[in-house]
Protein backbone atom coordinates (compact mmCIF):
# COMPACT_ATOMS: atom_id res chain seq x y z
CA UNK A 1 -28.97 -4.50 -10.87
CA UNK A 2 -28.22 -6.11 -13.73
CA UNK A 3 -27.26 -10.04 -12.99
CA UNK A 4 -23.81 -9.83 -14.50
CA UNK A 5 -23.31 -6.55 -12.49
CA UNK A 6 -24.72 -8.79 -9.36
CA UNK A 7 -21.81 -11.76 -10.19
CA UNK A 8 -18.95 -9.16 -10.81
CA UNK A 9 -19.91 -7.13 -7.10
CA UNK A 10 -20.13 -11.11 -5.97
CA UNK A 11 -16.34 -11.97 -7.08
CA UNK A 12 -15.00 -8.82 -6.09
CA UNK A 13 -16.80 -9.04 -2.91
CA UNK A 14 -15.27 -12.93 -2.86
CA UNK A 15 -11.75 -11.33 -3.80
CA UNK A 16 -11.69 -8.96 -0.18
CA UNK A 17 -12.72 -11.47 2.25
CA UNK A 18 -9.95 -13.67 0.92
CA UNK A 19 -7.95 -10.53 1.92
CA UNK A 20 -8.85 -9.54 4.91
CA UNK A 21 -8.59 -11.37 8.34
CA UNK A 22 -11.59 -12.67 9.17
CA UNK A 23 -12.78 -9.51 11.95
CA UNK A 24 -13.35 -7.12 9.22
CA UNK A 25 -14.88 -10.18 6.17
CA UNK A 26 -18.35 -8.53 7.37
CA UNK A 27 -18.02 -5.42 8.43
CA UNK A 28 -15.28 -3.91 6.53
CA UNK A 29 -18.31 -1.86 4.30
CA UNK A 30 -19.08 0.03 7.87
CA UNK A 31 -15.32 0.19 9.17
CA UNK A 32 -14.44 4.43 9.57
CA UNK A 33 -11.05 5.55 8.87
CA UNK A 34 -10.52 7.01 12.74
CA UNK A 35 -6.66 6.66 13.97
CA UNK A 36 -5.40 5.71 17.27
CA UNK A 37 -3.33 7.37 19.16
CA UNK A 38 0.55 7.22 18.70
CA UNK A 39 2.25 4.77 20.63
CA UNK A 40 5.47 6.56 22.49
CA UNK A 41 9.12 5.18 21.80
CA UNK A 42 10.54 3.23 24.55
CA UNK A 43 14.22 2.17 25.28
CA UNK A 44 16.10 -0.46 27.14
CA UNK A 45 18.60 -0.26 29.82
CA UNK A 46 21.44 0.73 27.16
CA UNK A 47 19.35 3.49 25.84
CA UNK A 48 18.29 1.84 22.64
CA UNK A 49 14.47 1.39 21.08
CA UNK A 50 12.88 -1.58 22.49
CA UNK A 51 11.00 -1.46 19.44
CA UNK A 52 8.83 -4.82 20.61
CA UNK A 53 7.70 -3.13 23.65
CA UNK A 54 6.02 -0.21 22.05
CA UNK A 55 2.36 -1.67 20.96
CA UNK A 56 -0.53 -3.40 22.92
CA UNK A 57 -2.74 -3.20 19.80
CA UNK A 58 -2.73 -1.19 16.40
CA UNK A 59 -5.20 1.05 14.53
CA UNK A 60 -7.19 -0.69 11.73
CA UNK A 61 -5.97 -1.86 8.29
CA UNK A 62 -5.96 0.54 5.87
CA UNK A 63 -6.88 -2.34 3.49
CA UNK A 64 -9.89 -3.08 5.61
CA UNK A 65 -10.83 0.89 5.45
CA UNK A 66 -8.92 2.27 8.40
CA UNK A 67 -7.02 4.75 8.67
CA UNK A 68 -3.53 4.25 7.14
CA UNK A 69 -0.49 4.80 8.76
CA UNK A 70 0.96 7.96 7.08
CA UNK A 71 -0.82 10.88 5.69
CA UNK A 72 1.38 11.63 2.63
CA UNK A 73 3.63 9.22 1.20
CA UNK A 74 6.59 8.33 3.07
CA UNK A 75 9.43 7.92 -0.42
CA UNK A 76 13.12 6.37 -0.03
CA UNK A 77 15.48 8.97 -0.21
CA UNK A 78 17.35 10.11 -3.10
CA UNK A 79 21.13 8.94 -4.66
CA UNK A 80 21.97 12.28 -4.23
CA UNK A 81 20.68 12.68 -0.15
CA UNK A 82 22.62 9.22 0.45
CA UNK A 83 25.69 10.45 -1.14
CA UNK A 84 25.75 13.29 1.12
CA UNK A 85 25.35 12.09 3.87
CA UNK A 86 26.48 8.19 3.63
CA UNK A 87 27.21 7.72 7.52
CA UNK A 88 23.79 8.74 8.39
CA UNK A 89 22.61 6.48 5.77
CA UNK A 90 24.10 3.40 7.19
CA UNK A 91 22.93 4.52 10.66
CA UNK A 92 18.85 4.96 9.27
CA UNK A 93 19.57 1.51 8.16
CA UNK A 94 21.48 -0.15 10.84
CA UNK A 95 18.23 0.71 13.01
CA UNK A 96 15.54 0.29 10.75
CA UNK A 97 16.62 -3.30 10.53
CA UNK A 98 16.90 -3.95 13.78
CA UNK A 99 13.36 -2.49 14.23
CA UNK A 100 12.31 -4.88 11.51
CA UNK A 101 14.12 -7.81 13.55
CA UNK A 102 12.44 -7.22 16.64
CA UNK A 103 8.96 -6.88 15.64
CA UNK A 104 8.86 -9.25 12.97
CA UNK A 105 11.25 -12.46 13.65
CA UNK A 106 12.31 -11.74 9.91
CA UNK A 107 15.71 -11.51 8.09
CA UNK A 108 16.46 -7.73 7.35
CA UNK A 109 19.31 -6.35 5.76
CA UNK A 110 20.46 -2.83 3.13
CA UNK A 111 18.64 -3.59 0.04
CA UNK A 112 20.79 -3.79 -2.90
CA UNK A 113 19.16 -0.98 -4.35
CA UNK A 114 20.17 2.49 -1.71
CA UNK A 115 17.10 4.03 -0.54
CA UNK A 116 15.85 0.85 0.60
CA UNK A 117 15.90 -2.09 3.39
CA UNK A 118 15.49 -5.78 2.49
CA UNK A 119 13.23 -8.07 4.26
CA UNK A 120 12.78 -11.78 3.45
CA UNK A 121 9.26 -13.17 4.29
CA UNK A 122 8.26 -16.38 4.60
CA UNK A 123 6.50 -17.15 0.90
CA UNK A 124 5.33 -15.38 -2.01
CA UNK A 125 2.00 -14.82 -1.10
CA UNK A 126 2.85 -13.50 2.24
CA UNK A 127 5.36 -10.84 0.22
CA UNK A 128 2.58 -9.84 -1.47
CA UNK A 129 -0.07 -9.16 1.02
CA UNK A 130 2.03 -7.11 2.62
CA UNK A 131 3.52 -5.07 -0.34
CA UNK A 132 -0.38 -3.90 -1.22
CA UNK A 133 -1.09 -3.46 2.52
CA UNK A 134 2.29 -1.61 3.18
CA UNK A 135 0.71 0.27 0.06
CA UNK A 136 -1.94 1.60 1.43
CA UNK A 137 -0.41 2.28 4.34
CA UNK A 138 1.08 4.62 2.43
CA UNK A 139 4.57 4.24 2.90
CA UNK A 140 6.45 3.21 -0.30
CA UNK A 141 7.24 -0.53 -0.77
CA UNK A 142 8.62 -2.69 -3.61
CA UNK A 143 8.61 -6.75 -3.78
CA UNK A 144 10.27 -9.34 -6.30
CA UNK A 145 9.41 -13.41 -5.38
CA UNK A 146 9.61 -13.23 -0.83
CA UNK A 147 11.87 -10.31 -0.57
CA UNK A 148 10.04 -7.09 0.48
CA UNK A 149 11.78 -3.50 0.34
CA UNK A 150 11.29 -0.86 2.45
CA UNK A 151 12.24 3.02 2.37
CA UNK A 152 14.47 4.90 4.17
CA UNK A 153 16.81 7.90 3.61
CA UNK A 154 19.59 9.77 5.78
CA UNK A 155 17.41 12.72 7.04
CA UNK A 156 14.77 9.93 8.75
CA UNK A 157 14.74 10.73 12.53
CA UNK A 158 13.90 7.98 15.20
CA UNK A 159 10.63 9.10 16.55
CA UNK A 160 9.18 10.05 12.61
CA UNK A 161 10.35 8.17 9.93
CA UNK A 162 12.39 5.43 11.70
CA UNK A 163 9.22 4.53 13.94
CA UNK A 164 7.13 4.81 10.88
CA UNK A 165 8.79 2.14 9.00
CA UNK A 166 9.27 -0.19 11.90
CA UNK A 167 5.50 0.32 12.81
CA UNK A 168 4.41 -0.20 9.27
CA UNK A 169 5.56 -3.75 8.87
CA UNK A 170 5.21 -4.77 12.60
CA UNK A 171 1.33 -3.56 11.97
CA UNK A 172 0.70 -5.60 8.57
CA UNK A 173 3.22 -8.36 9.60
CA UNK A 174 0.78 -8.99 12.65
CA UNK A 175 -2.43 -9.15 10.86
CA UNK A 176 -1.15 -11.23 8.82
CA UNK A 177 0.69 -14.06 10.83
CA UNK A 178 -2.01 -13.42 13.99
CA UNK A 179 -4.89 -12.47 12.58
CA UNK A 180 -5.65 -15.14 9.82
CA UNK A 181 -4.80 -18.62 9.76
CA UNK A 182 -2.70 -20.77 7.63
CA UNK A 183 -5.40 -22.23 4.94
CA UNK A 184 -6.46 -18.65 4.77
CA UNK A 185 -2.74 -17.48 3.72
CA UNK A 186 -2.67 -20.50 1.14
CA UNK A 187 -5.98 -18.88 -0.13
CA UNK A 188 -4.08 -15.22 -0.61
CA UNK A 189 -1.26 -16.94 -2.63
CA UNK A 190 -3.73 -19.30 -4.78
CA UNK A 191 -5.35 -16.13 -5.24
CA UNK A 192 -2.65 -13.63 -6.36
CA UNK A 193 -1.89 -16.19 -8.97
CA UNK A 194 -5.05 -16.12 -10.19
CA UNK A 195 -5.25 -12.01 -10.77
CA UNK A 196 -1.57 -12.63 -12.08
CA UNK A 197 -2.60 -15.10 -15.09
CA UNK A 198 -5.95 -12.11 -15.23
CA UNK A 199 -3.48 -9.15 -15.90
CA UNK A 200 -0.18 -8.66 -14.13
CA UNK A 201 0.57 -6.45 -10.96
CA UNK A 202 0.27 -2.90 -12.29
CA UNK A 203 2.92 -0.87 -9.48
CA UNK A 204 3.74 2.22 -9.61
CA UNK A 205 7.10 3.21 -11.57
CA UNK A 206 10.50 4.21 -10.47
CA UNK A 207 12.39 6.87 -12.35
CA UNK A 208 8.92 8.71 -13.65
CA UNK A 209 9.04 12.89 -13.14
CA UNK A 210 7.55 13.53 -10.37
CA UNK A 211 6.19 16.84 -11.40
CA UNK A 212 4.81 15.64 -14.51
CA UNK A 213 4.92 11.74 -14.63
CA UNK A 214 5.45 12.34 -18.70
CA UNK A 215 2.80 11.85 -20.99
CA UNK A 216 1.93 8.43 -19.79
CA UNK A 217 -0.08 10.36 -16.47
CA UNK A 218 -1.77 13.28 -19.19
CA UNK A 219 -3.13 10.30 -20.68
CA UNK A 220 -4.37 8.52 -18.43
CA UNK A 221 -5.72 11.39 -16.25
CA UNK A 222 -7.62 12.03 -19.67
CA UNK A 223 -8.57 8.23 -20.31
CA UNK A 224 -9.88 8.50 -16.90
CA UNK A 225 -11.82 11.89 -16.89
CA UNK A 226 -13.57 10.53 -20.00
CA UNK A 227 -14.74 7.41 -18.86
CA UNK A 228 -15.64 8.70 -15.03
CA UNK A 229 -15.43 12.35 -14.85
CA UNK A 230 -13.14 11.67 -12.13
CA UNK A 231 -10.27 14.66 -12.22
CA UNK A 232 -6.71 14.54 -11.72
CA UNK A 233 -5.76 16.00 -8.28
CA UNK A 234 -2.89 18.97 -7.94
CA UNK A 235 -0.78 16.38 -5.46
CA UNK A 236 1.69 14.78 -7.43
CA UNK A 237 4.21 11.66 -6.51
CA UNK A 238 6.70 9.91 -8.86
CA UNK A 239 4.95 7.33 -10.28
CA UNK A 240 1.13 7.86 -9.02
CA UNK A 241 -1.62 9.81 -10.27
CA UNK A 242 -3.71 10.99 -7.72
CA UNK A 243 -7.71 11.38 -8.59
CA UNK A 244 -10.07 13.24 -6.74
CA UNK A 245 -13.36 11.77 -5.59
CA UNK A 246 -16.07 12.92 -4.13
CA UNK A 247 -15.63 11.71 -0.51
CA UNK A 248 -13.34 9.45 1.53
CA UNK A 249 -16.04 7.12 1.96
CA UNK A 250 -15.55 6.35 -2.18
CA UNK A 251 -11.94 6.40 -2.12
CA UNK A 252 -11.29 4.04 0.62
CA UNK A 253 -14.14 1.60 -1.43
CA UNK A 254 -12.32 2.22 -4.88
CA UNK A 255 -8.95 1.96 -3.48
CA UNK A 256 -9.72 -1.56 -2.18
CA UNK A 257 -11.79 -2.58 -4.91
CA UNK A 258 -8.50 -1.75 -7.45
CA UNK A 259 -6.42 -4.18 -5.62
CA UNK A 260 -8.47 -6.88 -5.22
CA UNK A 261 -8.32 -6.16 -9.31
CA UNK A 262 -4.55 -6.20 -9.45
CA UNK A 263 -3.76 -2.34 -9.63
CA UNK A 264 -1.98 -0.87 -6.86
CA UNK A 265 -3.86 2.02 -5.39
CA UNK A 266 -3.82 4.40 -1.65
CA UNK A 267 -5.65 7.59 -0.70
CA UNK A 268 -4.90 10.51 1.19
CA UNK A 269 -8.06 11.88 1.89
CA UNK A 270 -10.23 11.59 -0.56
CA UNK A 271 -7.45 11.73 -3.57
CA UNK A 272 -7.12 8.36 -4.69
CA UNK A 273 -3.64 7.29 -6.52
CA UNK A 274 -3.61 4.72 -8.98
CA UNK A 275 0.04 3.36 -10.25
CA UNK A 276 2.07 4.80 -13.36
CA UNK A 277 3.82 1.53 -14.93
CA UNK A 278 4.99 2.03 -18.42
CA UNK A 279 6.18 -1.69 -17.97
CA UNK A 280 3.40 -3.55 -17.67
CA UNK A 281 0.95 -0.54 -18.44
CA UNK A 282 2.47 1.22 -21.20
CA UNK A 283 -0.39 2.92 -22.66
CA UNK A 284 -2.70 3.45 -19.09
CA UNK A 285 -5.20 0.92 -21.00
CA UNK A 286 -5.14 -1.38 -17.74
CA UNK A 287 -5.51 1.31 -15.32
CA UNK A 288 -7.75 3.45 -16.61
CA UNK A 289 -10.54 0.25 -17.10
CA UNK A 290 -10.27 -0.57 -14.03
CA UNK A 291 -11.00 2.79 -12.41
CA UNK A 292 -13.79 3.00 -14.74
CA UNK A 293 -15.21 -0.38 -13.65
CA UNK A 294 -14.64 0.51 -9.96
CA UNK A 295 -16.32 3.58 -10.49
CA UNK A 296 -19.22 1.81 -12.26
CA UNK A 297 -19.67 -0.75 -9.74
CA UNK A 298 -19.72 2.49 -6.77
CA UNK A 299 -22.22 3.89 -8.19
CA UNK A 300 -24.45 0.80 -9.34
CA UNK A 301 -23.86 0.18 -4.68
CA UNK A 302 -24.34 3.81 -4.04
CA UNK A 303 -20.74 4.54 -2.59
CA UNK A 304 -20.76 7.81 -5.31
CA UNK A 305 -24.50 8.92 -6.96
CA UNK A 306 -24.51 9.45 -10.49
């Protein structure tokens, strides 16, 4: 291994350790994405879900290499879906907000943007960390400043999608507040500022066509294929390009590494998803270069074979 490659890997690993709770910092490379059993709902004497009494523990963070909370991306409802069932939509939003308040003690209210609920975090570092961690749990999420938006829709069911949203914020908030000291949380805020100075945070853009995501997806897929040999996956989501990886291990490793370079990513099985962001990365160059370099480092470490 060349000196510059060793230095690059050392820097990447240092940033990952900054982002991870202490219990994962020396073990994340060996962590297996093995899910726990799902906790059942509990109800109070009024027949409402007692969200704050459901969990005694949580699965490992997907950020650390644990199982993502969702196997497939949970997305917000479309405007047409909301307009077709406005009363049910309000019920769902109200229940999600109630659950979030109970499990996090954070303020949660309907977002000004339909299809989302808005959570007010304690600071920008917290919102930024939750944004990255929840993305890797395969739940749609957005952040701006100290606010965090989580998805909602009139078709959401109490024991399924509503529970998914409440669970993912309960899980990630639990690790943020209960597993990291104040000094580390400050370090994370400083790291985000450093990463932003190097490159903007690349995120999945809304409004792209899920069947093709426009010309950007095709250009990015071809660029990544030429640099790495990774081919696009058949599964498609608005704002995301899927890449077929050789194994779950390689998809997990590259996902983590990309987030440490300020490119949001997530995975479903062996498919690594990278963002399509025409505003911040109009030609896909940031993502293509990041995937290429991370892939090369994965080869150096023996995560993928040549």
